[in-house]
Amino acid sequence: MSIFVYAITTPANTSYADRIKTDIDLTQGVIHQVDIVFPPGPQGLCHLTINQALHQRWPSNPDQTFHNDSTTISFKEHLPILFEPFKLQAFSYNLDETYEHEIIVRIGILPVHVLAPWLLPFDERIKAAMGV
């Protein structure tokens, strides 16, 4: 199992048009857990979305963002990341006129053979079943 943590700091007065892109480098596997932590302070003014290539993955509705204060948004997922590049992109903007804000993104990944063995090539499924 791998857990990736990214602390994303967004400067004050960062508009949607000037949003910050942060690459979230991962490994091959299946994303099974996502946590987005809003520490105290942003009061809903700092916004975040997570994309996979050109597609907004989270939140699922493309006209919305995650934005909150003193909250952890946590959810289970089952998203295979099988081919390079093994990465997502976080986009953030901050409507606070005074303070920069940090959002922490945690992503848990399990190996494909653990969570989705049917996605492996046949010979690798046989090896995994035999414990090789």
N, C-alpha and C. Protein backbone atom coordinates (compact mmCIF):
# COMPACT_ATOMS: atom_id res chain seq x y z
N MET A 1 0.84 -1.17 0.00
CA MET A 1 0.00 0.00 0.00
C MET A 1 0.88 1.24 0.00
N SER A 2 0.44 2.25 -0.70
CA SER A 2 1.14 3.54 -0.74
C SER A 2 0.15 4.63 -0.37
N ILE A 3 0.63 5.60 0.39
CA ILE A 3 -0.17 6.78 0.70
C ILE A 3 0.65 8.00 0.29
N PHE A 4 0.08 8.80 -0.58
CA PHE A 4 0.74 10.00 -1.06
C PHE A 4 0.10 11.21 -0.39
N VAL A 5 0.93 12.16 0.04
CA VAL A 5 0.45 13.36 0.71
C VAL A 5 1.02 14.57 -0.03
N TYR A 6 0.14 15.48 -0.36
CA TYR A 6 0.54 16.73 -1.02
C TYR A 6 -0.07 17.89 -0.26
N ALA A 7 0.77 18.82 0.20
CA ALA A 7 0.32 20.05 0.83
C ALA A 7 0.34 21.13 -0.25
N ILE A 8 -0.83 21.62 -0.58
CA ILE A 8 -0.98 22.58 -1.68
C ILE A 8 -1.26 23.95 -1.08
N THR A 9 -0.32 24.87 -1.27
CA THR A 9 -0.46 26.23 -0.77
C THR A 9 -0.85 27.14 -1.92
N THR A 10 -1.91 27.90 -1.70
CA THR A 10 -2.41 28.80 -2.74
C THR A 10 -2.33 30.23 -2.21
N PRO A 11 -1.62 31.12 -2.92
CA PRO A 11 -1.46 32.50 -2.46
C PRO A 11 -2.80 33.25 -2.39
N ALA A 12 -2.83 34.29 -1.57
CA ALA A 12 -3.99 35.17 -1.51
C ALA A 12 -4.24 35.79 -2.89
N ASN A 13 -5.49 36.11 -3.16
CA ASN A 13 -5.90 36.77 -4.41
C ASN A 13 -5.55 35.96 -5.65
N THR A 14 -5.68 34.64 -5.59
CA THR A 14 -5.48 33.81 -6.78
C THR A 14 -6.85 33.53 -7.35
N SER A 15 -7.14 34.12 -8.49
CA SER A 15 -8.47 33.99 -9.09
C SER A 15 -8.62 32.63 -9.79
N TYR A 16 -9.85 32.32 -10.13
CA TYR A 16 -10.12 31.09 -10.88
C TYR A 16 -9.32 31.09 -12.18
N ALA A 17 -9.27 32.23 -12.86
CA ALA A 17 -8.55 32.33 -14.14
C ALA A 17 -7.05 32.09 -13.97
N ASP A 18 -6.51 32.38 -12.78
CA ASP A 18 -5.08 32.20 -12.50
C ASP A 18 -4.81 31.02 -11.57
N ARG A 19 -5.73 30.07 -11.52
CA ARG A 19 -5.60 28.97 -10.57
C ARG A 19 -4.26 28.25 -10.71
N ILE A 20 -3.82 27.68 -9.60
CA ILE A 20 -2.53 27.01 -9.50
C ILE A 20 -2.70 25.54 -9.84
N LYS A 21 -1.83 25.04 -10.70
CA LYS A 21 -1.83 23.61 -11.03
C LYS A 21 -0.72 22.92 -10.24
N THR A 22 -1.08 21.84 -9.55
CA THR A 22 -0.11 21.04 -8.81
C THR A 22 -0.18 19.62 -9.30
N ASP A 23 0.93 19.09 -9.80
CA ASP A 23 0.96 17.69 -10.22
C ASP A 23 0.99 16.79 -8.99
N ILE A 24 0.16 15.77 -9.01
CA ILE A 24 0.12 14.77 -7.94
C ILE A 24 0.68 13.48 -8.53
N ASP A 25 1.97 13.26 -8.27
CA ASP A 25 2.65 12.08 -8.81
C ASP A 25 2.30 10.86 -7.95
N LEU A 26 1.93 9.77 -8.62
CA LEU A 26 1.49 8.56 -7.95
C LEU A 26 2.28 7.37 -8.49
N THR A 27 1.86 6.17 -8.13
CA THR A 27 2.41 4.95 -8.70
C THR A 27 1.28 4.16 -9.33
N GLN A 28 1.65 3.13 -10.06
CA GLN A 28 0.65 2.27 -10.66
C GLN A 28 -0.13 1.56 -9.55
N GLY A 29 -1.42 1.45 -9.73
CA GLY A 29 -2.25 0.76 -8.75
C GLY A 29 -3.68 1.22 -8.86
N VAL A 30 -4.42 1.03 -7.78
CA VAL A 30 -5.82 1.43 -7.74
C VAL A 30 -6.02 2.39 -6.56
N ILE A 31 -6.48 3.59 -6.86
CA ILE A 31 -6.78 4.55 -5.80
C ILE A 31 -7.99 4.02 -5.04
N HIS A 32 -7.81 3.85 -3.72
CA HIS A 32 -8.91 3.31 -2.92
C HIS A 32 -9.39 4.29 -1.86
N GLN A 33 -8.60 5.35 -1.59
CA GLN A 33 -8.97 6.30 -0.55
C GLN A 33 -8.48 7.69 -0.93
N VAL A 34 -9.34 8.69 -0.74
CA VAL A 34 -8.96 10.09 -0.98
C VAL A 34 -9.40 10.91 0.23
N ASP A 35 -8.48 11.71 0.75
CA ASP A 35 -8.77 12.65 1.84
C ASP A 35 -8.33 14.03 1.40
N ILE A 36 -9.19 15.01 1.62
CA ILE A 36 -8.86 16.40 1.34
C ILE A 36 -9.07 17.17 2.64
N VAL A 37 -7.98 17.69 3.19
CA VAL A 37 -8.00 18.31 4.51
C VAL A 37 -7.95 19.83 4.36
N PHE A 38 -8.96 20.48 4.92
CA PHE A 38 -8.99 21.94 5.00
C PHE A 38 -8.70 22.31 6.46
N PRO A 39 -7.48 22.74 6.77
CA PRO A 39 -7.18 23.19 8.14
C PRO A 39 -8.01 24.44 8.47
N PRO A 40 -8.03 24.87 9.72
CA PRO A 40 -8.74 26.09 10.07
C PRO A 40 -8.18 27.29 9.30
N GLY A 41 -9.07 28.16 8.85
CA GLY A 41 -8.61 29.40 8.24
C GLY A 41 -9.24 29.82 6.94
N PRO A 42 -9.38 28.95 5.94
CA PRO A 42 -9.81 29.44 4.64
C PRO A 42 -11.27 29.89 4.56
N GLN A 43 -12.10 29.50 5.50
CA GLN A 43 -13.50 29.93 5.56
C GLN A 43 -14.22 29.78 4.22
N GLY A 44 -13.90 28.71 3.50
CA GLY A 44 -14.57 28.44 2.24
C GLY A 44 -14.07 29.27 1.06
N LEU A 45 -12.99 30.02 1.26
CA LEU A 45 -12.49 30.90 0.20
C LEU A 45 -11.45 30.23 -0.69
N CYS A 46 -10.84 29.14 -0.23
CA CYS A 46 -9.83 28.44 -1.02
C CYS A 46 -10.50 27.21 -1.65
N HIS A 47 -10.37 27.08 -2.95
CA HIS A 47 -11.09 26.07 -3.72
C HIS A 47 -10.12 25.08 -4.35
N LEU A 48 -10.59 23.83 -4.51
CA LEU A 48 -9.75 22.77 -5.07
C LEU A 48 -10.57 21.83 -5.94
N THR A 49 -10.00 21.44 -7.06
CA THR A 49 -10.53 20.34 -7.87
C THR A 49 -9.36 19.42 -8.20
N ILE A 50 -9.67 18.17 -8.50
CA ILE A 50 -8.64 17.21 -8.90
C ILE A 50 -9.04 16.63 -10.24
N ASN A 51 -8.10 16.69 -11.18
CA ASN A 51 -8.32 16.22 -12.54
C ASN A 51 -7.48 15.00 -12.85
N GLN A 52 -7.98 14.22 -13.80
CA GLN A 52 -7.21 13.16 -14.43
C GLN A 52 -7.16 13.53 -15.90
N ALA A 53 -5.99 13.97 -16.35
CA ALA A 53 -5.81 14.53 -17.70
C ALA A 53 -6.76 15.73 -17.85
N LEU A 54 -7.63 15.71 -18.84
CA LEU A 54 -8.51 16.86 -19.08
C LEU A 54 -9.84 16.75 -18.34
N HIS A 55 -10.06 15.65 -17.66
CA HIS A 55 -11.34 15.37 -17.02
C HIS A 55 -11.29 15.70 -15.52
N GLN A 56 -12.24 16.52 -15.05
CA GLN A 56 -12.31 16.77 -13.60
C GLN A 56 -12.85 15.52 -12.94
N ARG A 57 -12.04 14.92 -12.08
CA ARG A 57 -12.40 13.67 -11.41
C ARG A 57 -13.19 13.92 -10.14
N TRP A 58 -12.69 14.89 -9.28
CA TRP A 58 -13.35 15.19 -8.01
C TRP A 58 -13.39 16.68 -7.79
N PRO A 59 -14.46 17.30 -7.36
CA PRO A 59 -15.76 16.67 -7.27
C PRO A 59 -16.27 16.26 -8.64
N SER A 60 -17.20 15.36 -8.65
CA SER A 60 -17.66 14.76 -9.91
C SER A 60 -18.37 15.76 -10.82
N ASN A 61 -19.07 16.70 -10.25
CA ASN A 61 -19.76 17.69 -11.10
C ASN A 61 -18.78 18.83 -11.42
N PRO A 62 -18.52 19.04 -12.71
CA PRO A 62 -17.45 19.97 -13.13
C PRO A 62 -17.71 21.44 -12.82
N ASP A 63 -18.91 21.80 -12.42
CA ASP A 63 -19.18 23.20 -12.09
C ASP A 63 -18.99 23.49 -10.60
N GLN A 64 -18.44 22.52 -9.85
CA GLN A 64 -18.25 22.69 -8.41
C GLN A 64 -16.80 22.48 -8.01
N THR A 65 -16.47 22.90 -6.78
CA THR A 65 -15.14 22.72 -6.21
C THR A 65 -15.29 22.24 -4.78
N PHE A 66 -14.21 21.72 -4.22
CA PHE A 66 -14.15 21.49 -2.78
C PHE A 66 -13.70 22.81 -2.16
N HIS A 67 -14.43 23.29 -1.17
CA HIS A 67 -14.04 24.50 -0.42
C HIS A 67 -14.71 24.41 0.95
N ASN A 68 -13.91 24.63 1.98
CA ASN A 68 -14.43 24.43 3.32
C ASN A 68 -13.49 25.06 4.34
N ASP A 69 -13.71 24.74 5.61
CA ASP A 69 -12.90 25.24 6.69
C ASP A 69 -12.93 24.23 7.83
N SER A 70 -11.77 23.89 8.38
CA SER A 70 -11.68 22.97 9.51
C SER A 70 -12.41 21.65 9.24
N THR A 71 -12.20 21.10 8.06
CA THR A 71 -12.94 19.90 7.65
C THR A 71 -12.03 18.96 6.88
N THR A 72 -12.28 17.67 7.03
CA THR A 72 -11.65 16.67 6.17
C THR A 72 -12.73 16.02 5.34
N ILE A 73 -12.58 16.09 4.05
CA ILE A 73 -13.47 15.41 3.12
C ILE A 73 -12.79 14.08 2.80
N SER A 74 -13.46 12.99 3.10
CA SER A 74 -12.85 11.67 2.96
C SER A 74 -13.81 10.75 2.25
N PHE A 75 -13.30 10.02 1.25
CA PHE A 75 -14.17 9.09 0.54
C PHE A 75 -13.39 7.92 -0.03
N LYS A 76 -14.09 6.82 -0.16
CA LYS A 76 -13.54 5.61 -0.79
C LYS A 76 -13.64 5.78 -2.29
N GLU A 77 -12.73 5.16 -2.99
CA GLU A 77 -12.68 5.25 -4.46
C GLU A 77 -12.24 3.90 -4.98
N HIS A 78 -12.37 3.71 -6.25
CA HIS A 78 -11.91 2.49 -6.92
C HIS A 78 -11.49 2.89 -8.34
N LEU A 79 -10.42 3.68 -8.40
CA LEU A 79 -9.96 4.26 -9.67
C LEU A 79 -8.62 3.65 -10.06
N PRO A 80 -8.62 2.78 -11.10
CA PRO A 80 -7.35 2.21 -11.56
C PRO A 80 -6.46 3.28 -12.19
N ILE A 81 -5.20 3.28 -11.82
CA ILE A 81 -4.17 4.11 -12.46
C ILE A 81 -3.17 3.09 -13.03
N LEU A 82 -3.37 2.73 -14.29
CA LEU A 82 -2.64 1.60 -14.85
C LEU A 82 -1.53 1.99 -15.82
N PHE A 83 -1.66 3.15 -16.43
CA PHE A 83 -0.71 3.53 -17.48
C PHE A 83 -0.07 4.87 -17.17
N GLU A 84 1.18 5.01 -17.59
CA GLU A 84 1.87 6.28 -17.39
C GLU A 84 1.20 7.37 -18.22
N PRO A 85 1.21 8.59 -17.75
CA PRO A 85 1.83 9.02 -16.50
C PRO A 85 0.92 8.69 -15.32
N PHE A 86 1.53 8.24 -14.23
CA PHE A 86 0.78 7.92 -13.02
C PHE A 86 0.61 9.21 -12.22
N LYS A 87 -0.30 10.05 -12.67
CA LYS A 87 -0.45 11.33 -11.98
C LYS A 87 -1.85 11.89 -12.18
N LEU A 88 -2.20 12.73 -11.24
CA LEU A 88 -3.40 13.55 -11.30
C LEU A 88 -2.94 15.00 -11.22
N GLN A 89 -3.86 15.93 -11.41
CA GLN A 89 -3.54 17.34 -11.28
C GLN A 89 -4.56 17.98 -10.32
N ALA A 90 -4.06 18.73 -9.38
CA ALA A 90 -4.92 19.52 -8.49
C ALA A 90 -4.90 20.96 -8.99
N PHE A 91 -6.06 21.57 -9.02
CA PHE A 91 -6.18 22.97 -9.39
C PHE A 91 -6.78 23.71 -8.20
N SER A 92 -6.12 24.79 -7.79
CA SER A 92 -6.60 25.54 -6.63
C SER A 92 -6.61 27.03 -6.92
N TYR A 93 -7.56 27.69 -6.29
CA TYR A 93 -7.58 29.15 -6.31
C TYR A 93 -8.07 29.63 -4.96
N ASN A 94 -7.76 30.90 -4.63
CA ASN A 94 -7.99 31.42 -3.29
C ASN A 94 -8.55 32.83 -3.39
N LEU A 95 -9.79 32.99 -2.98
CA LEU A 95 -10.45 34.29 -3.04
C LEU A 95 -10.19 35.15 -1.81
N ASP A 96 -9.44 34.64 -0.84
CA ASP A 96 -9.07 35.42 0.34
C ASP A 96 -8.12 36.53 -0.11
N GLU A 97 -8.44 37.76 0.25
CA GLU A 97 -7.63 38.90 -0.17
C GLU A 97 -6.38 39.10 0.67
N THR A 98 -6.30 38.41 1.81
CA THR A 98 -5.21 38.67 2.75
C THR A 98 -4.26 37.50 2.93
N TYR A 99 -4.78 36.27 3.06
CA TYR A 99 -3.97 35.14 3.48
C TYR A 99 -3.87 34.05 2.42
N GLU A 100 -2.69 33.46 2.35
CA GLU A 100 -2.55 32.22 1.58
C GLU A 100 -3.14 31.10 2.42
N HIS A 101 -3.55 30.01 1.75
CA HIS A 101 -4.11 28.87 2.48
C HIS A 101 -3.54 27.58 1.94
N GLU A 102 -3.48 26.60 2.84
CA GLU A 102 -2.96 25.28 2.49
C GLU A 102 -4.09 24.26 2.57
N ILE A 103 -4.14 23.40 1.56
CA ILE A 103 -5.04 22.25 1.54
C ILE A 103 -4.17 21.01 1.42
N ILE A 104 -4.46 20.00 2.21
CA ILE A 104 -3.68 18.77 2.19
C ILE A 104 -4.48 17.69 1.48
N VAL A 105 -3.86 17.07 0.48
CA VAL A 105 -4.48 15.99 -0.28
C VAL A 105 -3.73 14.69 0.03
N ARG A 106 -4.47 13.67 0.47
CA ARG A 106 -3.90 12.34 0.72
C ARG A 106 -4.60 11.35 -0.19
N ILE A 107 -3.79 10.52 -0.86
CA ILE A 107 -4.34 9.51 -1.77
C ILE A 107 -3.71 8.17 -1.44
N GLY A 108 -4.58 7.19 -1.16
CA GLY A 108 -4.13 5.83 -0.88
C GLY A 108 -4.26 4.96 -2.12
N ILE A 109 -3.20 4.21 -2.42
CA ILE A 109 -3.18 3.34 -3.59
C ILE A 109 -2.80 1.93 -3.15
N LEU A 110 -3.56 0.96 -3.64
CA LEU A 110 -3.23 -0.45 -3.42
C LEU A 110 -2.77 -1.04 -4.74
N PRO A 111 -1.90 -2.05 -4.69
CA PRO A 111 -1.47 -2.70 -5.93
C PRO A 111 -2.67 -3.30 -6.67
N VAL A 112 -2.57 -3.33 -7.97
CA VAL A 112 -3.65 -3.86 -8.80
C VAL A 112 -3.98 -5.30 -8.41
N HIS A 113 -2.95 -6.12 -8.13
CA HIS A 113 -3.22 -7.53 -7.82
C HIS A 113 -3.99 -7.71 -6.52
N VAL A 114 -4.01 -6.69 -5.65
CA VAL A 114 -4.74 -6.77 -4.40
C VAL A 114 -6.20 -6.35 -4.58
N LEU A 115 -6.41 -5.23 -5.26
CA LEU A 115 -7.74 -4.64 -5.32
C LEU A 115 -8.50 -4.95 -6.60
N ALA A 116 -7.81 -5.19 -7.69
CA ALA A 116 -8.49 -5.43 -8.97
C ALA A 116 -7.70 -6.42 -9.82
N PRO A 117 -7.55 -7.67 -9.35
CA PRO A 117 -6.72 -8.62 -10.09
C PRO A 117 -7.22 -8.91 -11.50
N TRP A 118 -8.50 -8.71 -11.75
CA TRP A 118 -9.04 -8.95 -13.09
C TRP A 118 -8.49 -7.96 -14.12
N LEU A 119 -7.84 -6.89 -13.67
CA LEU A 119 -7.25 -5.93 -14.60
C LEU A 119 -5.84 -6.33 -15.04
N LEU A 120 -5.28 -7.36 -14.40
CA LEU A 120 -3.94 -7.83 -14.76
C LEU A 120 -4.00 -8.73 -15.99
N PRO A 121 -2.90 -8.79 -16.75
CA PRO A 121 -2.82 -9.78 -17.83
C PRO A 121 -2.97 -11.19 -17.25
N PHE A 122 -3.45 -12.11 -18.04
CA PHE A 122 -3.76 -13.45 -17.57
C PHE A 122 -2.58 -14.13 -16.87
N ASP A 123 -1.39 -14.05 -17.46
CA ASP A 123 -0.24 -14.73 -16.85
C ASP A 123 0.10 -14.13 -15.48
N GLU A 124 -0.09 -12.84 -15.30
CA GLU A 124 0.17 -12.23 -14.01
C GLU A 124 -0.92 -12.61 -12.99
N ARG A 125 -2.15 -12.82 -13.45
CA ARG A 125 -3.21 -13.28 -12.55
C ARG A 125 -2.87 -14.66 -12.01
N ILE A 126 -2.35 -15.53 -12.88
CA ILE A 126 -1.97 -16.88 -12.46
C ILE A 126 -0.84 -16.82 -11.43
N LYS A 127 0.17 -15.97 -11.70
CA LYS A 127 1.27 -15.81 -10.75
C LYS A 127 0.78 -15.28 -9.41
N ALA A 128 -0.12 -14.31 -9.44
CA ALA A 128 -0.64 -13.73 -8.19
C ALA A 128 -1.45 -14.79 -7.42
N ALA A 129 -2.21 -15.60 -8.12
CA ALA A 129 -3.01 -16.64 -7.47
C ALA A 129 -2.12 -17.71 -6.84
N MET A 130 -0.96 -17.94 -7.45
CA MET A 130 -0.04 -18.96 -6.95
C MET A 130 0.94 -18.37 -5.92
N GLY A 131 0.89 -17.05 -5.72
CA GLY A 131 1.78 -16.43 -4.76
C GLY A 131 3.20 -16.28 -5.26
N VAL A 132 3.38 -16.24 -6.58
CA VAL A 132 4.71 -16.14 -7.17
C VAL A 132 5.09 -14.69 -7.33
